Amino acid sequence: MKRVLTIALGVAVFSGCNNSEKSQKDSDGSKIGTKDTTVTADNGPVAELSHTFSNVDPKLATSLQIIVADYLQTKNSLIDNSGHDAATGGKAMAEAISKLDKSLFTPEQKKIYEGIEGDLKENAEHIGKSGGDIAHQREHFSMMSEDVYDLVKAFGGGQILYHDRCPMANDQKGAMWLSETREVKNPYFGGKMNECVTVQEVIKK
């Protein structure tokens, strides 16, 4: 599947590998700008993005938010190096995808969702079946994160989410993830290797 990749409106990175611990103190999103398309990180602006659809059915929005919550559980389990808990999150996510009522989408929304759904569910299922192989889980998490990013960009996640990227992950090819906090904790390295992570965007709820 061709993933829909968006171009950042203006990416500002944290200042290299020496300053990240000093620059990640505020996780409440309180500095979000209202008059422009940026938020203020400790050392510069980061693009602030809104999701595409504002007319999502309330019941459908709740179902999508459950999927996002299961994704975040998986992410936090990888931060904690817990393959078992990551598997639990993956299984819950796959089940939530199966239960989602696609009849609540508009035709345009359904087309976008169905372009994401197959890969998203497949990666969640792989994570759910691989509790004893956290490296394999992280491989699928990197792909799943791109799908969840597309999902949130289209429909929102019910909360402010931070788009983070680690250039060292995925055999130094780089990989992204979404986080509910501004504080950086790298799921690809068990909460470590945070120094070179960049916060690329903030996605409004």
Protein backbone atom coordinates (compact mmCIF):
# COMPACT_ATOMS: atom_id res chain seq x y z
CA MET A 1 0.00 0.00 0.00
CA LYS A 2 1.21 3.42 -0.79
CA ARG A 3 1.13 5.32 2.40
CA VAL A 4 -0.02 8.88 2.33
CA LEU A 5 2.94 10.87 3.52
CA THR A 6 2.53 14.51 4.36
CA ILE A 7 5.13 17.24 4.07
CA ALA A 8 5.85 19.02 7.32
CA LEU A 9 4.81 22.65 7.37
CA GLY A 10 8.08 23.65 9.00
CA VAL A 11 10.17 21.19 10.93
CA ALA A 12 12.36 22.28 13.80
CA VAL A 13 14.58 19.71 15.47
CA PHE A 14 15.95 19.60 18.96
CA SER A 15 19.53 20.81 18.96
CA GLY A 16 21.49 17.62 18.43
CA CYS A 17 22.52 14.75 20.63
CA ASN A 18 23.84 16.82 23.53
CA ASN A 19 20.81 18.82 24.58
CA SER A 20 17.74 16.60 24.42
CA GLU A 21 17.46 15.88 28.12
CA LYS A 22 17.50 19.60 28.84
CA SER A 23 14.93 20.36 26.16
CA GLN A 24 12.24 17.87 27.14
CA LYS A 25 10.64 19.07 30.33
CA ASP A 26 7.10 20.09 29.44
CA SER A 27 4.63 17.37 28.46
CA ASP A 28 1.29 19.11 28.94
CA GLY A 29 1.10 20.86 25.57
CA SER A 30 0.45 24.19 27.29
CA LYS A 31 2.52 26.23 24.84
CA ILE A 32 0.39 25.45 21.82
CA GLY A 33 -0.03 28.48 19.58
CA THR A 34 -3.46 29.62 18.45
CA LYS A 35 -2.66 32.32 15.88
CA ASP A 36 -0.20 30.45 13.67
CA THR A 37 0.79 26.94 12.67
CA THR A 38 3.54 26.39 15.23
CA VAL A 39 3.99 25.41 18.83
CA THR A 40 7.00 26.41 20.88
CA ALA A 41 9.40 23.74 22.02
CA ASP A 42 12.11 24.69 24.48
CA ASN A 43 14.43 25.66 21.66
CA GLY A 44 12.22 26.55 18.70
CA PRO A 45 8.97 26.19 16.80
CA VAL A 46 7.45 22.88 15.70
CA ALA A 47 4.73 22.57 13.06
CA GLU A 48 1.21 22.30 14.46
CA LEU A 49 -1.20 20.35 12.29
CA SER A 50 -4.95 19.82 12.28
CA HIS A 51 -6.61 16.61 11.12
CA THR A 52 -8.43 16.58 7.79
CA PHE A 53 -11.98 15.67 8.78
CA SER A 54 -13.92 17.69 11.33
CA ASN A 55 -17.23 15.89 10.69
CA VAL A 56 -16.39 12.45 12.07
CA ASP A 57 -19.37 10.61 13.55
CA PRO A 58 -19.05 10.70 17.38
CA LYS A 59 -19.38 6.92 17.76
CA LEU A 60 -16.81 6.40 15.04
CA ALA A 61 -14.48 8.95 16.63
CA THR A 62 -14.63 6.98 19.89
CA SER A 63 -13.73 3.76 18.08
CA LEU A 64 -10.78 5.43 16.37
CA GLN A 65 -9.59 6.85 19.68
CA ILE A 66 -9.58 3.33 21.15
CA ILE A 67 -7.29 2.22 18.31
CA VAL A 68 -4.97 5.13 19.06
CA ALA A 69 -5.02 4.33 22.79
CA ASP A 70 -4.04 0.72 22.06
CA TYR A 71 -1.23 1.99 19.84
CA LEU A 72 0.05 4.22 22.66
CA GLN A 73 -0.10 1.27 25.07
CA THR A 74 2.03 -0.71 22.63
CA LYS A 75 4.47 2.18 22.30
CA ASN A 76 4.81 2.57 26.06
CA SER A 77 5.33 -1.19 26.47
CA LEU A 78 8.23 -1.05 23.99
CA ILE A 79 9.69 1.85 25.98
CA ASP A 80 9.55 -0.44 29.02
CA ASN A 81 11.11 -3.33 27.04
CA SER A 82 8.03 -5.46 27.73
CA GLY A 83 7.28 -7.63 24.72
CA HIS A 84 4.45 -9.30 26.62
CA ASP A 85 2.64 -6.02 27.27
CA ALA A 86 3.33 -4.84 23.72
CA ALA A 87 1.68 -8.03 22.48
CA THR A 88 -1.34 -7.28 24.64
CA GLY A 89 -1.58 -3.83 23.08
CA GLY A 90 -1.21 -5.25 19.57
CA LYS A 91 -3.97 -7.81 20.13
CA ALA A 92 -6.28 -5.17 21.58
CA MET A 93 -5.58 -2.90 18.63
CA ALA A 94 -6.32 -5.62 16.06
CA GLU A 95 -9.57 -6.42 17.86
CA ALA A 96 -10.58 -2.74 17.95
CA ILE A 97 -9.94 -2.47 14.21
CA SER A 98 -12.14 -5.52 13.59
CA LYS A 99 -14.99 -4.05 15.64
CA LEU A 100 -14.97 -0.61 14.00
CA ASP A 101 -18.25 0.13 12.19
CA LYS A 102 -17.16 1.33 8.76
CA SER A 103 -20.74 2.23 7.82
CA LEU A 104 -20.30 5.37 9.93
CA PHE A 105 -17.68 6.79 7.55
CA THR A 106 -18.64 9.13 4.75
CA PRO A 107 -17.62 7.77 1.32
CA GLU A 108 -14.53 10.00 1.27
CA GLN A 109 -13.56 9.05 4.81
CA LYS A 110 -14.09 5.35 4.11
CA LYS A 111 -11.80 5.45 1.09
CA ILE A 112 -8.97 6.91 3.17
CA TYR A 113 -9.54 4.55 6.09
CA GLU A 114 -9.61 1.45 3.91
CA GLY A 115 -6.29 2.52 2.41
CA ILE A 116 -4.80 2.32 5.93
CA GLU A 117 -6.77 -0.50 7.53
CA GLY A 118 -5.13 -3.59 6.01
CA ASP A 119 -1.53 -2.79 6.87
CA LEU A 120 -2.50 -1.35 10.25
CA LYS A 121 -4.28 -4.54 11.30
CA GLU A 122 -1.55 -6.78 9.90
CA ASN A 123 1.17 -5.00 11.86
CA ALA A 124 -0.92 -5.00 15.05
CA GLU A 125 -1.47 -8.75 14.66
CA HIS A 126 2.25 -9.38 14.15
CA ILE A 127 3.03 -7.47 17.34
CA GLY A 128 0.30 -9.39 19.16
CA LYS A 129 1.79 -12.74 18.16
CA SER A 130 5.42 -11.85 18.92
CA GLY A 131 5.57 -11.31 22.66
CA GLY A 132 8.83 -13.25 22.84
CA ASP A 133 10.57 -11.33 20.05
CA ILE A 134 10.67 -7.63 20.86
CA ALA A 135 13.01 -6.87 17.94
CA HIS A 136 10.38 -8.22 15.56
CA GLN A 137 7.72 -6.21 17.37
CA ARG A 138 9.73 -3.04 16.88
CA GLU A 139 10.07 -3.72 13.16
CA HIS A 140 6.29 -3.90 12.84
CA PHE A 141 5.82 -0.99 15.22
CA SER A 142 7.82 1.25 12.86
CA MET A 143 5.46 0.38 10.01
CA MET A 144 2.38 0.56 12.21
CA SER A 145 3.40 4.02 13.39
CA GLU A 146 3.27 5.34 9.83
CA ASP A 147 -0.25 3.92 9.47
CA VAL A 148 -1.39 5.43 12.77
CA TYR A 149 0.14 8.74 11.70
CA ASP A 150 -1.97 8.66 8.52
CA LEU A 151 -5.03 7.69 10.58
CA VAL A 152 -4.59 10.54 13.05
CA LYS A 153 -3.80 13.03 10.30
CA ALA A 154 -7.13 12.17 8.72
CA PHE A 155 -9.42 11.69 11.72
CA GLY A 156 -7.66 12.97 14.84
CA GLY A 157 -6.69 11.01 17.91
CA GLY A 158 -8.83 12.62 20.59
CA GLN A 159 -5.76 14.20 22.19
CA ILE A 160 -2.67 16.19 21.30
CA LEU A 161 -0.04 13.89 19.79
CA TYR A 162 3.64 14.49 19.13
CA HIS A 163 5.28 13.14 15.97
CA ASP A 164 8.78 12.00 16.98
CA ARG A 165 11.57 10.55 14.87
CA CYS A 166 14.75 8.66 15.70
CA PRO A 167 17.42 8.61 12.96
CA MET A 168 19.19 5.64 14.58
CA ALA A 169 16.20 3.26 14.55
CA ASN A 170 15.42 0.71 11.84
CA ASP A 171 19.10 -0.09 11.15
CA GLN A 172 19.91 3.64 11.05
CA LYS A 173 17.33 4.25 8.32
CA GLY A 174 15.24 6.19 10.84
CA ALA A 175 11.77 5.53 12.19
CA MET A 176 8.94 7.62 13.62
CA TRP A 177 6.27 7.22 16.27
CA LEU A 178 3.50 9.18 17.91
CA SER A 179 3.53 10.09 21.58
CA GLU A 180 0.97 11.55 23.95
CA THR A 181 3.69 13.47 25.80
CA ARG A 182 6.25 16.06 24.75
CA GLU A 183 8.89 14.29 26.81
CA VAL A 184 10.86 12.02 24.48
CA LYS A 185 11.16 8.32 25.35
CA ASN A 186 12.40 6.18 22.49
CA PRO A 187 10.41 2.95 21.97
CA TYR A 188 13.03 1.56 19.58
CA PHE A 189 15.75 1.58 22.26
CA GLY A 190 13.81 0.83 25.44
CA GLY A 191 13.43 4.45 26.47
CA LYS A 192 17.10 5.26 25.77
CA MET A 193 18.91 6.94 22.86
CA ASN A 194 16.70 10.00 23.28
CA GLU A 195 19.38 12.57 22.56
CA CYS A 196 19.03 12.60 18.77
CA VAL A 197 15.25 12.25 18.61
CA THR A 198 13.45 15.11 16.89
CA VAL A 199 9.93 16.33 17.58
CA GLN A 200 8.75 17.01 14.05
CA GLU A 201 5.11 17.97 14.45
CA VAL A 202 2.31 18.42 16.92
CA ILE A 203 -1.07 17.07 15.78
CA LYS A 204 -4.04 18.77 17.36
CA LYS A 205 -6.79 16.63 18.85
